[in-house]
N, C-alpha and C. Protein backbone atom coordinates (compact mmCIF):
# COMPACT_ATOMS: atom_id res chain seq x y z
N UNK A 1 133.15 48.05 98.22
CA UNK A 1 131.78 48.02 99.01
C UNK A 1 130.76 47.97 98.20
N UNK A 2 129.58 47.69 98.36
CA UNK A 2 128.54 48.22 97.58
C UNK A 2 127.61 49.05 98.06
N UNK A 3 128.21 49.73 99.35
CA UNK A 3 127.51 50.72 99.80
C UNK A 3 126.15 50.05 100.79
N UNK A 4 125.16 50.57 101.33
CA UNK A 4 124.59 50.57 102.30
C UNK A 4 123.50 49.41 101.87
N UNK A 5 123.16 48.08 102.19
CA UNK A 5 122.38 47.14 101.77
C UNK A 5 120.93 47.48 102.35
N UNK A 6 120.86 48.17 103.37
CA UNK A 6 119.73 48.17 103.76
C UNK A 6 118.83 49.94 103.31
N UNK A 7 119.71 50.61 102.44
CA UNK A 7 119.50 52.06 101.94
C UNK A 7 117.97 51.81 101.78
N UNK A 8 117.49 50.77 100.50
CA UNK A 8 116.18 50.62 100.06
C UNK A 8 115.37 50.89 100.96
N UNK A 9 115.69 49.86 102.17
CA UNK A 9 114.42 49.67 103.15
C UNK A 9 114.10 50.95 104.01
N UNK A 10 115.16 51.81 104.13
CA UNK A 10 115.50 53.04 105.31
C UNK A 10 115.13 54.06 104.22
N UNK A 11 114.50 54.09 103.19
CA UNK A 11 114.25 55.28 102.05
C UNK A 11 113.02 56.00 102.51
N UNK A 12 112.18 55.07 103.56
CA UNK A 12 110.98 55.72 103.77
C UNK A 12 111.27 57.02 104.97
N UNK A 13 112.07 56.61 105.72
CA UNK A 13 112.66 57.89 106.68
C UNK A 13 113.04 59.13 106.34
N UNK A 14 113.46 59.10 105.12
CA UNK A 14 113.98 60.46 104.48
C UNK A 14 113.01 61.17 103.29
N UNK A 15 111.80 60.55 103.30
CA UNK A 15 110.84 60.90 102.13
C UNK A 15 109.43 61.19 102.78
N UNK A 16 108.82 62.22 102.01
CA UNK A 16 107.44 62.59 102.62
C UNK A 16 107.49 63.18 103.84
N UNK A 17 106.54 62.69 104.77
CA UNK A 17 106.06 63.24 105.89
C UNK A 17 107.01 63.30 106.89
N UNK A 18 108.36 62.27 106.36
CA UNK A 18 109.49 62.23 107.38
C UNK A 18 110.71 62.78 106.91
N UNK A 19 110.56 63.80 105.74
CA UNK A 19 111.93 64.32 105.71
C UNK A 19 112.08 65.55 106.70
N UNK A 20 113.58 65.99 106.35
CA UNK A 20 113.71 66.76 107.71
C UNK A 20 112.88 68.21 107.77
N UNK A 21 112.67 68.78 106.42
CA UNK A 21 111.91 70.09 106.60
C UNK A 21 110.49 69.59 107.04
N UNK A 22 110.02 68.44 107.00
CA UNK A 22 108.40 68.35 107.29
C UNK A 22 108.66 67.85 108.61
N UNK A 23 109.69 67.49 108.99
CA UNK A 23 109.72 67.04 110.72
C UNK A 23 109.77 68.70 111.42
N UNK A 24 110.61 69.42 111.11
CA UNK A 24 110.66 70.89 111.43
C UNK A 24 109.28 71.50 111.22
N UNK A 25 108.73 71.30 110.24
CA UNK A 25 107.49 72.36 110.01
C UNK A 25 106.35 71.73 111.26
N UNK A 26 106.37 70.64 111.49
CA UNK A 26 105.27 69.91 112.28
C UNK A 26 105.94 70.11 113.88
N UNK A 27 107.26 70.28 114.24
CA UNK A 27 107.39 70.77 115.64
C UNK A 27 106.94 71.99 116.34
N UNK A 28 106.86 73.05 115.22
CA UNK A 28 106.09 74.33 115.77
C UNK A 28 105.04 74.83 114.86
N UNK A 29 104.00 74.44 115.10
CA UNK A 29 102.91 74.53 114.20
C UNK A 29 102.49 75.83 114.01
N UNK A 30 102.26 76.83 115.21
CA UNK A 30 102.01 78.05 115.10
C UNK A 30 103.03 79.45 114.64
N UNK A 31 104.22 78.74 114.91
CA UNK A 31 105.30 79.47 114.99
C UNK A 31 105.41 80.76 113.63
N UNK A 32 105.32 80.24 112.63
CA UNK A 32 105.19 81.15 111.44
C UNK A 32 104.10 82.46 111.59
N UNK A 33 102.98 81.97 111.84
CA UNK A 33 101.91 82.85 112.15
C UNK A 33 101.96 83.68 113.34
N UNK A 34 102.37 83.36 114.37
CA UNK A 34 102.56 83.97 115.55
C UNK A 34 103.63 85.21 115.17
N UNK A 35 104.73 84.66 114.94
CA UNK A 35 105.82 85.63 114.08
C UNK A 35 105.16 86.84 113.36
N UNK A 36 104.27 86.19 112.38
CA UNK A 36 103.88 87.34 111.47
C UNK A 36 102.77 88.35 112.02
N UNK A 37 102.15 87.73 112.66
CA UNK A 37 101.40 88.56 113.39
C UNK A 37 101.83 89.56 114.48
N UNK A 38 102.98 89.12 115.17
CA UNK A 38 103.68 90.24 115.93
C UNK A 38 104.20 91.11 114.95
N UNK A 39 104.96 90.96 113.91
CA UNK A 39 105.75 91.92 113.02
C UNK A 39 104.57 92.97 112.67
N UNK A 40 103.38 92.36 112.32
CA UNK A 40 102.25 93.25 111.69
C UNK A 40 101.84 94.18 112.89
N UNK A 41 101.83 93.65 114.26
CA UNK A 41 101.30 94.43 115.24
C UNK A 41 102.40 95.43 115.69
N UNK A 42 103.99 95.26 115.46
CA UNK A 42 104.79 96.36 115.80
C UNK A 42 104.91 97.16 114.82
N UNK A 43 104.77 96.87 113.50
CA UNK A 43 104.60 97.85 112.58
C UNK A 43 103.22 98.88 112.62
N UNK A 44 102.25 98.35 113.09
CA UNK A 44 100.72 99.00 113.31
C UNK A 44 101.09 99.87 114.33
N UNK A 45 102.01 99.80 115.13
CA UNK A 45 102.23 100.53 116.69
C UNK A 45 103.27 101.40 116.03
N UNK A 46 104.08 101.37 115.49
CA UNK A 46 105.16 102.41 115.01
C UNK A 46 104.59 103.31 114.21
N UNK A 47 103.60 102.77 113.11
CA UNK A 47 103.40 103.74 111.97
C UNK A 47 101.91 104.14 112.39
N UNK A 48 100.79 103.77 113.24
CA UNK A 48 99.74 104.25 113.53
C UNK A 48 99.74 104.96 114.46
N UNK A 49 100.06 104.38 115.63
CA UNK A 49 99.78 104.80 117.10
C UNK A 49 101.18 105.60 117.18
N UNK A 50 101.09 107.07 117.06
CA UNK A 50 101.90 108.20 117.53
C UNK A 50 101.74 108.44 119.01
N UNK A 51 103.01 108.42 119.36
CA UNK A 51 102.85 108.73 120.93
C UNK A 51 103.28 110.10 121.29
N UNK A 52 102.53 110.80 122.24
CA UNK A 52 102.56 112.16 122.76
C UNK A 52 103.67 112.40 123.23
N UNK A 53 104.88 112.97 122.92
CA UNK A 53 105.97 113.14 123.44
C UNK A 53 106.03 114.45 124.10
N UNK A 54 104.89 115.35 124.40
CA UNK A 54 104.86 116.05 125.16
C UNK A 54 104.72 115.75 126.87
N UNK A 55 104.40 114.91 127.25
CA UNK A 55 104.27 114.12 128.50
C UNK A 55 105.47 113.55 128.88
N UNK A 56 106.38 113.41 128.08
CA UNK A 56 107.63 112.71 128.33
C UNK A 56 108.44 113.84 129.55
N UNK A 57 108.87 113.09 130.84
CA UNK A 57 109.68 113.44 131.61
C UNK A 57 110.96 113.20 131.60
């Protein structure tokens, strides 16, 4: 067998903007930014905003 005779014509499906990683990136455009903002907020809340334990019942 000589392999896939259509490989040359199908190459565009796996390159550039259609590569697997680029398709995943465009599926969730704000996920990275949102996760980063959430992590920064949780770190700020834990480190800067100290809770007063005297009112704990």
